[in-house]
Amino acid sequence: MRWTYSTYSNANALITAGIILGSAVFVIIVIGCNRAGGFRTLLQNMFGITYTRSEINLYGNDFKIEDETKWFYYIPHFCLWLTIVMIIATTLLVFVDRLILNVVYLRRNRQCPDDGNMDCYSTFQTSKYFHCNSSDIFIPESMGSVVCYKWFKNGFSTLDVLEQIGLCTGLFQVYTWIVEVYLRLLLWVYAFPDPRDSEKKYAHPILATILTIVLLSSPLIVLIILAVYRANITGLTIAVMVGVLVIEVSMLILVGTWRRNKRLVNENINA
């Protein structure tokens, strides 16, 4: 008995939500077991960020966090926590997508995916169904764009699991490297022209504007390029792009909060 579109969709949503929630709980447990030490270890090992109970050192840029009553104490913690959670969750989604539930979105009149038998449904009329059992078959044009689901990879073996673990380990390291490079770039672009200046000025105002626009739109640009070149857009691709966008927004908020923190520290010194 085949699954309905709503059943597949709900299962996919539950798996995604479960992975994100599980990642969040894992990070909370790590931090909770040793509040300062757990968070310090994660930040140091993942991003090379130095953390103490009174300060976060963002690659030479101090972020004073002594006063827990101030909003800029909680925001940097949340941004860094959310970034860690999204990296872990996105990495796990890669593992699950290839081995457990594969989701592929196809444009009109495309060939079936090359991943064996898949249940495909029209994205406009989900009651329309087509079963793909060969990548040589074209999905009927009357179906329009479709989304295809498949449980478990064909020929599932221990080697597949090991290969997927290796892939996810490499992806995790790439994510942490990208976050470090991205954060360093933001700190350089959004820095104050004069470290003692408390005005709302940027060291590189034009670059700051361009960088913000490009980085926030980059996930959408990637999806458009994939669509133009008629590449199969998988559910994993969308999940990864959303994860990247969340990380980018978190880092922008973190740097913005750092600027606010820096101004307040300078004002207190000059008072």
Protein backbone atom coordinates (compact mmCIF):
# COMPACT_ATOMS: atom_id res chain seq x y z
CA MET A 1 0.00 0.00 0.00
CA ARG A 2 1.52 3.28 -1.13
CA TRP A 3 1.69 6.35 1.06
CA THR A 4 -0.38 9.43 0.26
CA TYR A 5 1.15 12.81 -0.44
CA SER A 6 0.05 14.19 2.94
CA THR A 7 1.56 11.21 4.76
CA TYR A 8 4.91 11.65 3.02
CA SER A 9 4.82 15.41 3.57
CA ASN A 10 4.00 15.03 7.25
CA ALA A 11 6.70 12.41 7.70
CA ASN A 12 9.28 14.68 6.05
CA ALA A 13 8.23 17.62 8.22
CA LEU A 14 8.37 15.50 11.38
CA ILE A 15 11.83 14.16 10.52
CA THR A 16 13.13 17.68 9.85
CA ALA A 17 11.55 19.10 13.00
CA GLY A 18 12.78 16.13 15.04
CA ILE A 19 16.36 16.56 13.85
CA ILE A 20 16.35 20.30 14.58
CA LEU A 21 14.75 19.76 18.01
CA GLY A 22 17.13 16.90 18.79
CA SER A 23 20.13 19.05 17.82
CA ALA A 24 18.86 21.88 20.02
CA VAL A 25 18.38 19.54 22.98
CA PHE A 26 21.85 18.04 22.45
CA VAL A 27 23.53 21.47 22.51
CA ILE A 28 21.48 22.49 25.57
CA ILE A 29 22.56 19.31 27.39
CA VAL A 30 26.24 19.90 26.50
CA ILE A 31 26.02 23.47 27.77
CA GLY A 32 23.88 22.53 30.77
CA CYS A 33 26.29 19.86 31.99
CA ASN A 34 29.00 22.51 32.31
CA ARG A 35 27.41 25.89 31.64
CA ALA A 36 30.50 27.94 30.87
CA GLY A 37 32.83 25.08 29.99
CA GLY A 38 30.42 23.37 27.57
CA PHE A 39 29.70 26.54 25.62
CA ARG A 40 33.38 27.47 25.67
CA THR A 41 34.39 24.09 24.29
CA LEU A 42 31.85 24.19 21.46
CA LEU A 43 32.80 27.72 20.39
CA GLN A 44 36.53 27.07 20.60
CA ASN A 45 36.50 23.75 18.76
CA MET A 46 33.96 24.72 16.09
CA PHE A 47 34.81 28.35 15.32
CA GLY A 48 37.97 29.24 17.23
CA ILE A 49 36.04 31.78 19.33
CA THR A 50 37.30 32.43 22.87
CA TYR A 51 34.54 32.59 25.49
CA THR A 52 34.44 33.46 29.19
CA ARG A 53 31.59 34.36 31.52
CA SER A 54 32.39 38.05 31.08
CA GLU A 55 33.54 38.29 27.48
CA ILE A 56 33.36 36.78 24.02
CA ASN A 57 36.46 37.35 21.93
CA LEU A 58 35.48 37.38 18.25
CA TYR A 59 38.89 37.01 16.61
CA GLY A 60 40.42 39.93 18.48
CA ASN A 61 37.18 41.92 18.84
CA ASP A 62 36.02 42.01 22.45
CA PHE A 63 32.34 41.58 23.30
CA LYS A 64 31.69 42.52 26.94
CA ILE A 65 28.90 40.42 28.48
CA GLU A 66 29.31 40.90 32.25
CA ASP A 67 25.86 42.37 32.87
CA GLU A 68 23.20 39.68 32.42
CA THR A 69 20.43 42.27 32.68
CA LYS A 70 21.38 43.82 29.36
CA TRP A 71 19.79 42.56 26.14
CA PHE A 72 23.17 42.28 24.46
CA TYR A 73 24.12 39.57 26.92
CA TYR A 74 21.41 37.19 25.71
CA ILE A 75 21.44 37.97 21.97
CA PRO A 76 25.06 36.90 21.25
CA HIS A 77 24.53 33.71 23.24
CA PHE A 78 21.37 32.94 21.28
CA CYS A 79 22.96 33.72 17.90
CA LEU A 80 25.95 31.49 18.56
CA TRP A 81 23.75 28.75 20.05
CA LEU A 82 21.43 28.87 17.02
CA THR A 83 24.39 28.71 14.62
CA ILE A 84 25.75 25.60 16.37
CA VAL A 85 22.30 23.97 16.33
CA MET A 86 21.75 24.68 12.61
CA ILE A 87 25.15 23.30 11.63
CA ILE A 88 24.54 20.07 13.55
CA ALA A 89 20.93 19.79 12.28
CA THR A 90 21.82 20.44 8.63
CA THR A 91 24.62 17.88 8.78
CA LEU A 92 22.22 15.29 10.20
CA LEU A 93 19.64 16.14 7.51
CA VAL A 94 22.24 15.28 4.87
CA PHE A 95 22.73 11.91 6.54
CA VAL A 96 19.00 11.20 6.78
CA ASP A 97 18.15 12.37 3.26
CA ARG A 98 20.52 10.02 1.50
CA LEU A 99 19.77 6.95 3.59
CA ILE A 100 16.23 7.23 4.97
CA LEU A 101 13.81 9.59 3.18
CA ASN A 102 14.78 11.10 -0.16
CA VAL A 103 12.73 14.04 -1.48
CA VAL A 104 13.16 15.42 -5.02
CA TYR A 105 11.36 18.36 -6.65
CA LEU A 106 11.11 18.24 -10.47
CA ARG A 107 9.92 20.76 -13.03
CA ARG A 108 7.33 19.98 -15.70
CA ASN A 109 8.01 17.17 -18.19
CA ARG A 110 11.20 15.85 -16.58
CA GLN A 111 12.70 12.38 -16.38
CA CYS A 112 12.14 10.32 -13.27
CA PRO A 113 14.89 10.52 -10.64
CA ASP A 114 17.65 7.93 -10.92
CA ASP A 115 17.13 6.64 -7.39
CA GLY A 116 14.90 3.67 -8.09
CA ASN A 117 11.18 3.48 -7.39
CA MET A 118 9.70 6.78 -6.24
CA ASP A 119 6.17 7.99 -5.54
CA CYS A 120 5.60 11.29 -7.33
CA TYR A 121 2.79 13.82 -6.76
CA SER A 122 1.81 16.99 -8.58
CA THR A 123 2.69 20.07 -6.52
CA PHE A 124 -0.49 21.80 -7.79
CA GLN A 125 -2.93 18.92 -7.46
CA THR A 126 -1.52 16.54 -4.90
CA SER A 127 -4.17 13.92 -5.77
CA LYS A 128 -2.37 13.36 -9.10
CA TYR A 129 0.03 10.46 -8.69
CA PHE A 130 2.72 8.88 -10.84
CA HIS A 131 5.00 5.99 -9.96
CA CYS A 132 8.59 6.28 -11.20
CA ASN A 133 10.42 2.98 -11.56
CA SER A 134 13.09 3.98 -14.09
CA SER A 135 15.12 7.11 -14.83
CA ASP A 136 14.39 6.52 -18.53
CA ILE A 137 10.71 7.37 -18.01
CA PHE A 138 9.37 10.90 -18.43
CA ILE A 139 6.80 12.10 -15.93
CA PRO A 140 3.57 13.00 -17.83
CA GLU A 141 3.38 16.69 -18.69
CA SER A 142 -0.14 16.81 -17.26
CA MET A 143 1.37 16.31 -13.81
CA GLY A 144 3.11 19.68 -14.01
CA SER A 145 5.91 20.12 -11.47
CA VAL A 146 6.15 17.22 -9.04
CA VAL A 147 7.65 16.17 -5.75
CA CYS A 148 8.90 12.60 -5.45
CA TYR A 149 9.46 10.56 -2.29
CA LYS A 150 11.36 7.38 -1.58
CA TRP A 151 12.00 5.53 1.68
CA PHE A 152 15.51 4.12 2.13
CA LYS A 153 18.28 3.96 -0.41
CA ASN A 154 18.52 0.92 -2.73
CA GLY A 155 21.11 -1.63 -1.65
CA PHE A 156 21.44 -0.12 1.82
CA SER A 157 24.71 -1.41 3.33
CA THR A 158 27.24 -0.75 6.08
CA LEU A 159 29.56 0.77 3.47
CA ASP A 160 26.86 3.28 2.52
CA VAL A 161 26.53 4.29 6.15
CA LEU A 162 30.31 4.71 6.55
CA GLU A 163 30.53 6.74 3.34
CA GLN A 164 27.68 8.94 4.53
CA ILE A 165 29.36 9.46 7.91
CA GLY A 166 32.54 10.52 6.10
CA LEU A 167 30.58 12.92 3.90
CA CYS A 168 28.76 14.44 6.88
CA THR A 169 32.02 14.82 8.84
CA GLY A 170 33.56 16.72 5.94
CA LEU A 171 30.42 18.83 5.53
CA PHE A 172 30.46 19.68 9.25
CA GLN A 173 34.05 20.91 8.99
CA VAL A 174 33.23 22.96 5.89
CA TYR A 175 30.30 24.59 7.70
CA THR A 176 32.43 25.60 10.68
CA TRP A 177 35.13 26.98 8.36
CA ILE A 178 32.57 28.98 6.38
CA VAL A 179 31.09 30.46 9.57
CA GLU A 180 34.56 31.53 10.75
CA VAL A 181 35.44 33.15 7.41
CA TYR A 182 32.00 34.78 7.16
CA LEU A 183 32.16 36.18 10.70
CA ARG A 184 35.68 37.52 10.20
CA LEU A 185 34.54 39.22 7.00
CA LEU A 186 31.53 40.79 8.72
CA LEU A 187 33.66 42.07 11.60
CA TRP A 188 36.09 43.66 9.16
CA VAL A 189 33.39 45.26 7.00
CA TYR A 190 31.18 46.45 9.87
CA ALA A 191 34.05 47.66 12.06
CA PHE A 192 34.21 51.26 13.27
CA PRO A 193 36.56 53.59 11.35
CA ASP A 194 38.06 54.51 14.73
CA PRO A 195 37.84 51.95 17.58
CA ARG A 196 37.11 54.85 19.98
CA ASP A 197 34.33 56.25 17.76
CA SER A 198 30.83 55.66 19.15
CA GLU A 199 29.00 57.05 16.10
CA LYS A 200 27.02 54.80 13.79
CA LYS A 201 29.66 54.61 11.10
CA TYR A 202 31.23 51.72 9.19
CA ALA A 203 34.83 51.24 8.17
CA HIS A 204 33.58 50.07 4.73
CA PRO A 205 30.00 51.38 4.28
CA ILE A 206 29.62 50.43 0.61
CA LEU A 207 30.98 46.93 1.19
CA ALA A 208 28.72 46.58 4.22
CA THR A 209 25.63 47.27 2.10
CA ILE A 210 26.73 45.01 -0.75
CA LEU A 211 27.73 42.20 1.60
CA THR A 212 24.42 42.28 3.44
CA ILE A 213 22.38 42.14 0.22
CA VAL A 214 24.50 39.43 -1.42
CA LEU A 215 24.71 37.14 1.59
CA LEU A 216 21.01 37.35 2.46
CA SER A 217 20.02 36.66 -1.15
CA SER A 218 22.66 33.97 -1.85
CA PRO A 219 20.46 30.95 -0.95
CA LEU A 220 17.74 32.22 -3.30
CA ILE A 221 20.32 32.87 -6.03
CA VAL A 222 21.57 29.27 -5.75
CA LEU A 223 18.04 27.88 -6.08
CA ILE A 224 17.38 30.10 -9.14
CA ILE A 225 20.61 28.92 -10.80
CA LEU A 226 19.63 25.29 -10.18
CA ALA A 227 16.21 25.94 -11.69
CA VAL A 228 17.64 27.75 -14.76
CA TYR A 229 20.03 24.89 -15.48
CA ARG A 230 17.20 22.40 -14.89
CA ALA A 231 18.89 20.64 -12.04
CA ASN A 232 16.82 18.46 -9.75
CA ILE A 233 16.14 20.41 -6.58
CA THR A 234 15.97 18.05 -3.64
CA GLY A 235 14.33 18.60 -0.31
CA LEU A 236 17.85 18.43 1.11
CA THR A 237 18.96 21.35 -1.08
CA ILE A 238 16.13 23.49 0.23
CA ALA A 239 16.86 22.48 3.82
CA VAL A 240 20.56 23.32 3.43
CA MET A 241 19.76 26.71 1.87
CA VAL A 242 17.36 27.54 4.71
CA GLY A 243 20.01 26.47 7.22
CA VAL A 244 22.61 28.69 5.55
CA LEU A 245 20.19 31.63 5.58
CA VAL A 246 19.48 31.17 9.31
CA ILE A 247 23.22 31.07 10.03
CA GLU A 248 23.84 34.20 7.95
CA VAL A 249 21.08 36.14 9.69
CA SER A 250 22.37 35.00 13.10
CA MET A 251 25.86 36.24 12.30
CA LEU A 252 24.53 39.59 11.04
CA ILE A 253 22.57 40.05 14.27
CA LEU A 254 25.62 39.02 16.30
CA VAL A 255 27.85 41.60 14.60
CA GLY A 256 25.16 44.27 14.90
CA THR A 257 24.90 43.53 18.62
CA TRP A 258 28.68 43.66 18.92
CA ARG A 259 28.65 47.16 17.41
CA ARG A 260 26.00 48.27 19.91
CA ASN A 261 28.00 46.71 22.74
CA LYS A 262 31.17 48.43 21.57
CA ARG A 263 29.45 51.84 21.51
CA LEU A 264 28.10 51.41 25.04
CA VAL A 265 31.51 50.33 26.36
CA ASN A 266 33.15 53.38 24.73
CA GLU A 267 30.50 55.69 26.12
CA ASN A 268 31.09 54.34 29.64
CA ILE A 269 34.84 54.80 29.27
CA ASN A 270 34.46 58.39 28.01
CA ALA A 271 31.83 59.31 30.61
